């Protein structure tokens, strides 16, 4: 009896997942969909570059080295101010990335339902997230 309930729930989840994929595919019919996809990829790529750059610092580098995953370039140890600045930058960057991804999804929903899209709501957090990521990467390069 529990197996049948689980099977129905899995079928429902699979249908919802496939519907989301179809909606995403349909969104690529519009210019806004491609712009949203481009912004989404830019946000993801910038976050990856930021964290790869951060791996060069002492504590993160020793953690990655102990796991024998990868040996990036080694930077000098961080001072308290530099560590605080990088932590704050990463928090701002991650929060803005989450906000921009959410706004991108809302833009696609508004477009799909025929409502007026609000491009500023998407562009503003994505722009500030990219600025925060670029500033963080440049700062890490300077203090390394």
C-alpha atoms as a PDB file:
ATOM      1  CA  UNK A   1       0.000   0.000   0.000  1.00  0.00           C
ATOM      2  CA  UNK A   2       2.843   2.403   0.797  1.00  0.00           C
ATOM      3  CA  UNK A   3       4.573   1.388  -2.434  1.00  0.00           C
ATOM      4  CA  UNK A   4       1.574   2.435  -4.498  1.00  0.00           C
ATOM      5  CA  UNK A   5       1.428   5.788  -2.715  1.00  0.00           C
ATOM      6  CA  UNK A   6       5.149   6.296  -3.302  1.00  0.00           C
ATOM      7  CA  UNK A   7       4.776   5.325  -6.965  1.00  0.00           C
ATOM      8  CA  UNK A   8       1.966   7.870  -7.470  1.00  0.00           C
ATOM      9  CA  UNK A   9       3.994  10.566  -5.777  1.00  0.00           C
ATOM     10  CA  UNK A  10       7.042   9.802  -7.946  1.00  0.00           C
ATOM     11  CA  UNK A  11       4.895   9.935 -11.105  1.00  0.00           C
ATOM     12  CA  UNK A  12       3.475  13.290 -10.035  1.00  0.00           C
ATOM     13  CA  UNK A  13       6.964  14.642  -9.292  1.00  0.00           C
ATOM     14  CA  UNK A  14       8.231  13.415 -12.666  1.00  0.00           C
ATOM     15  CA  UNK A  15       5.294  15.098 -14.474  1.00  0.00           C
ATOM     16  CA  UNK A  16       5.979  18.387 -12.653  1.00  0.00           C
ATOM     17  CA  UNK A  17       9.686  18.168 -13.472  1.00  0.00           C
ATOM     18  CA  UNK A  18       8.972  17.519 -17.146  1.00  0.00           C
ATOM     19  CA  UNK A  19       6.479  20.408 -17.176  1.00  0.00           C
ATOM     20  CA  UNK A  20       9.186  22.701 -15.777  1.00  0.00           C
ATOM     21  CA  UNK A  21      11.588  21.560 -18.502  1.00  0.00           C
ATOM     22  CA  UNK A  22       8.927  22.196 -21.164  1.00  0.00           C
ATOM     23  CA  UNK A  23       8.306  25.669 -19.736  1.00  0.00           C
ATOM     24  CA  UNK A  24      12.028  26.391 -19.849  1.00  0.00           C
ATOM     25  CA  UNK A  25      12.204  25.156 -23.455  1.00  0.00           C
ATOM     26  CA  UNK A  26       9.203  27.324 -24.357  1.00  0.00           C
ATOM     27  CA  UNK A  27      10.859  30.337 -22.725  1.00  0.00           C
ATOM     28  CA  UNK A  28      13.772  30.002 -25.148  1.00  0.00           C
ATOM     29  CA  UNK A  29      11.409  30.994 -27.956  1.00  0.00           C
ATOM     30  CA  UNK A  30      11.632  34.583 -26.706  1.00  0.00           C
ATOM     31  CA  UNK A  31      14.585  36.934 -26.680  1.00  0.00           C
ATOM     32  CA  UNK A  32      14.004  37.375 -22.952  1.00  0.00           C
ATOM     33  CA  UNK A  33      14.494  33.657 -22.455  1.00  0.00           C
ATOM     34  CA  UNK A  34      17.881  33.726 -24.160  1.00  0.00           C
ATOM     35  CA  UNK A  35      18.901  36.840 -22.226  1.00  0.00           C
ATOM     36  CA  UNK A  36      17.825  35.176 -19.009  1.00  0.00           C
ATOM     37  CA  UNK A  37      19.791  32.063 -19.875  1.00  0.00           C
ATOM     38  CA  UNK A  38      22.840  34.210 -20.690  1.00  0.00           C
ATOM     39  CA  UNK A  39      22.567  36.090 -17.395  1.00  0.00           C
ATOM     40  CA  UNK A  40      22.094  32.836 -15.528  1.00  0.00           C
ATOM     41  CA  UNK A  41      25.215  31.359 -17.125  1.00  0.00           C
ATOM     42  CA  UNK A  42      27.172  34.565 -16.417  1.00  0.00           C
ATOM     43  CA  UNK A  43      26.142  34.440 -12.755  1.00  0.00           C
ATOM     44  CA  UNK A  44      27.130  30.774 -12.435  1.00  0.00           C
ATOM     45  CA  UNK A  45      30.444  31.224 -14.265  1.00  0.00           C
ATOM     46  CA  UNK A  46      31.360  34.266 -12.174  1.00  0.00           C
ATOM     47  CA  UNK A  47      30.631  32.399  -8.940  1.00  0.00           C
ATOM     48  CA  UNK A  48      32.785  29.456 -10.069  1.00  0.00           C
ATOM     49  CA  UNK A  49      35.667  31.777 -11.007  1.00  0.00           C
ATOM     50  CA  UNK A  50      35.348  33.556  -7.646  1.00  0.00           C
ATOM     51  CA  UNK A  51      35.556  30.324  -5.664  1.00  0.00           C
ATOM     52  CA  UNK A  52      38.408  28.931  -7.778  1.00  0.00           C
ATOM     53  CA  UNK A  53      40.330  32.138  -7.131  1.00  0.00           C
ATOM     54  CA  UNK A  54      39.558  31.838  -3.414  1.00  0.00           C
ATOM     55  CA  UNK A  55      41.059  28.330  -3.345  1.00  0.00           C
ATOM     56  CA  UNK A  56      44.529  29.852  -3.628  1.00  0.00           C
ATOM     57  CA  UNK A  57      44.481  31.134  -0.063  1.00  0.00           C
ATOM     58  CA  UNK A  58      46.163  29.247   2.712  1.00  0.00           C
ATOM     59  CA  UNK A  59      43.336  27.627   4.674  1.00  0.00           C
ATOM     60  CA  UNK A  60      41.249  26.687   1.656  1.00  0.00           C
ATOM     61  CA  UNK A  61      44.356  25.555  -0.188  1.00  0.00           C
ATOM     62  CA  UNK A  62      45.423  23.245   2.627  1.00  0.00           C
ATOM     63  CA  UNK A  63      41.899  21.806   2.773  1.00  0.00           C
ATOM     64  CA  UNK A  64      41.839  21.080  -0.939  1.00  0.00           C
ATOM     65  CA  UNK A  65      45.428  19.787  -0.823  1.00  0.00           C
ATOM     66  CA  UNK A  66      44.589  17.403   2.007  1.00  0.00           C
ATOM     67  CA  UNK A  67      41.782  15.976  -0.093  1.00  0.00           C
ATOM     68  CA  UNK A  68      44.251  15.571  -2.997  1.00  0.00           C
ATOM     69  CA  UNK A  69      41.730  17.133  -5.314  1.00  0.00           C
ATOM     70  CA  UNK A  70      43.631  19.979  -6.861  1.00  0.00           C
ATOM     71  CA  UNK A  71      46.674  22.075  -6.100  1.00  0.00           C
ATOM     72  CA  UNK A  72      46.028  25.715  -7.090  1.00  0.00           C
ATOM     73  CA  UNK A  73      48.567  28.479  -6.747  1.00  0.00           C
ATOM     74  CA  UNK A  74      49.413  29.297  -3.165  1.00  0.00           C
ATOM     75  CA  UNK A  75      48.779  32.761  -1.765  1.00  0.00           C
ATOM     76  CA  UNK A  76      50.027  34.220   1.476  1.00  0.00           C
ATOM     77  CA  UNK A  77      47.892  33.743   4.608  1.00  0.00           C
ATOM     78  CA  UNK A  78      44.979  36.105   5.007  1.00  0.00           C
ATOM     79  CA  UNK A  79      44.868  38.837   7.594  1.00  0.00           C
ATOM     80  CA  UNK A  80      41.688  39.250   9.605  1.00  0.00           C
ATOM     81  CA  UNK A  81      40.581  42.291   7.586  1.00  0.00           C
ATOM     82  CA  UNK A  82      41.176  40.555   4.250  1.00  0.00           C
ATOM     83  CA  UNK A  83      39.315  37.448   5.397  1.00  0.00           C
ATOM     84  CA  UNK A  84      36.386  39.544   6.621  1.00  0.00           C
ATOM     85  CA  UNK A  85      36.279  41.470   3.349  1.00  0.00           C
ATOM     86  CA  UNK A  86      36.232  38.237   1.338  1.00  0.00           C
ATOM     87  CA  UNK A  87      33.559  36.676   3.534  1.00  0.00           C
ATOM     88  CA  UNK A  88      31.349  39.751   3.200  1.00  0.00           C
ATOM     89  CA  UNK A  89      31.940  39.857  -0.546  1.00  0.00           C
ATOM     90  CA  UNK A  90      31.030  36.191  -0.897  1.00  0.00           C
ATOM     91  CA  UNK A  91      27.840  36.651   1.151  1.00  0.00           C
ATOM     92  CA  UNK A  92      26.778  39.661  -0.917  1.00  0.00           C
ATOM     93  CA  UNK A  93      27.623  37.820  -4.128  1.00  0.00           C
ATOM     94  CA  UNK A  94      25.684  34.675  -3.191  1.00  0.00           C
ATOM     95  CA  UNK A  95      22.638  36.608  -1.984  1.00  0.00           C
ATOM     96  CA  UNK A  96      22.560  38.724  -5.139  1.00  0.00           C
ATOM     97  CA  UNK A  97      22.991  35.582  -7.252  1.00  0.00           C
ATOM     98  CA  UNK A  98      20.002  33.955  -5.552  1.00  0.00           C
ATOM     99  CA  UNK A  99      17.924  37.113  -6.000  1.00  0.00           C
ATOM    100  CA  UNK A 100      18.888  37.461  -9.658  1.00  0.00           C
ATOM    101  CA  UNK A 101      18.112  33.820 -10.444  1.00  0.00           C
ATOM    102  CA  UNK A 102      14.720  34.203  -8.742  1.00  0.00           C
ATOM    103  CA  UNK A 103      13.990  37.384 -10.681  1.00  0.00           C
ATOM    104  CA  UNK A 104      14.988  35.666 -13.913  1.00  0.00           C
ATOM    105  CA  UNK A 105      12.486  32.900 -13.250  1.00  0.00           C
ATOM    106  CA  UNK A 106       9.789  35.476 -12.397  1.00  0.00           C
ATOM    107  CA  UNK A 107      10.511  37.298 -15.666  1.00  0.00           C
ATOM    108  CA  UNK A 108       9.973  34.091 -17.620  1.00  0.00           C
ATOM    109  CA  UNK A 109       6.732  33.402 -15.756  1.00  0.00           C
ATOM    110  CA  UNK A 110       5.451  36.919 -16.386  1.00  0.00           C
ATOM    111  CA  UNK A 111       6.314  36.619 -20.072  1.00  0.00           C
ATOM    112  CA  UNK A 112       4.612  33.239 -20.321  1.00  0.00           C
ATOM    113  CA  UNK A 113       1.413  34.534 -18.705  1.00  0.00           C
ATOM    114  CA  UNK A 114       1.333  37.588 -20.962  1.00  0.00           C
ATOM    115  CA  UNK A 115       2.066  40.129 -18.248  1.00  0.00           C
ATOM    116  CA  UNK A 116       4.389  43.068 -18.692  1.00  0.00           C
ATOM    117  CA  UNK A 117       7.967  41.921 -17.994  1.00  0.00           C
ATOM    118  CA  UNK A 118      10.053  43.958 -15.555  1.00  0.00           C
ATOM    119  CA  UNK A 119      13.576  43.878 -16.968  1.00  0.00           C
ATOM    120  CA  UNK A 120      15.026  46.161 -14.294  1.00  0.00           C
ATOM    121  CA  UNK A 121      14.105  43.647 -11.608  1.00  0.00           C
ATOM    122  CA  UNK A 122      16.328  41.129 -13.407  1.00  0.00           C
ATOM    123  CA  UNK A 123      19.115  43.410 -14.553  1.00  0.00           C
ATOM    124  CA  UNK A 124      19.770  45.229 -11.282  1.00  0.00           C
ATOM    125  CA  UNK A 125      20.615  42.267  -9.004  1.00  0.00           C
ATOM    126  CA  UNK A 126      22.482  40.462 -11.806  1.00  0.00           C
ATOM    127  CA  UNK A 127      24.547  43.576 -12.535  1.00  0.00           C
ATOM    128  CA  UNK A 128      25.406  44.149  -8.871  1.00  0.00           C
ATOM    129  CA  UNK A 129      26.201  40.459  -8.406  1.00  0.00           C
ATOM    130  CA  UNK A 130      28.601  40.545 -11.344  1.00  0.00           C
ATOM    131  CA  UNK A 131      30.182  43.743  -9.975  1.00  0.00           C
ATOM    132  CA  UNK A 132      30.579  42.156  -6.511  1.00  0.00           C
ATOM    133  CA  UNK A 133      32.155  39.055  -8.063  1.00  0.00           C
ATOM    134  CA  UNK A 134      34.557  41.060 -10.242  1.00  0.00           C
ATOM    135  CA  UNK A 135      35.568  43.287  -7.313  1.00  0.00           C
ATOM    136  CA  UNK A 136      36.122  40.193  -5.155  1.00  0.00           C
ATOM    137  CA  UNK A 137      38.265  38.513  -7.813  1.00  0.00           C
ATOM    138  CA  UNK A 138      40.349  41.654  -8.340  1.00  0.00           C
ATOM    139  CA  UNK A 139      40.737  42.078  -4.565  1.00  0.00           C
ATOM    140  CA  UNK A 140      41.857  38.469  -4.189  1.00  0.00           C
ATOM    141  CA  UNK A 141      44.384  38.911  -6.983  1.00  0.00           C
ATOM    142  CA  UNK A 142      45.734  42.072  -5.337  1.00  0.00           C
ATOM    143  CA  UNK A 143      46.149  40.598  -1.853  1.00  0.00           C
ATOM    144  CA  UNK A 144      47.613  37.357  -3.156  1.00  0.00           C
END
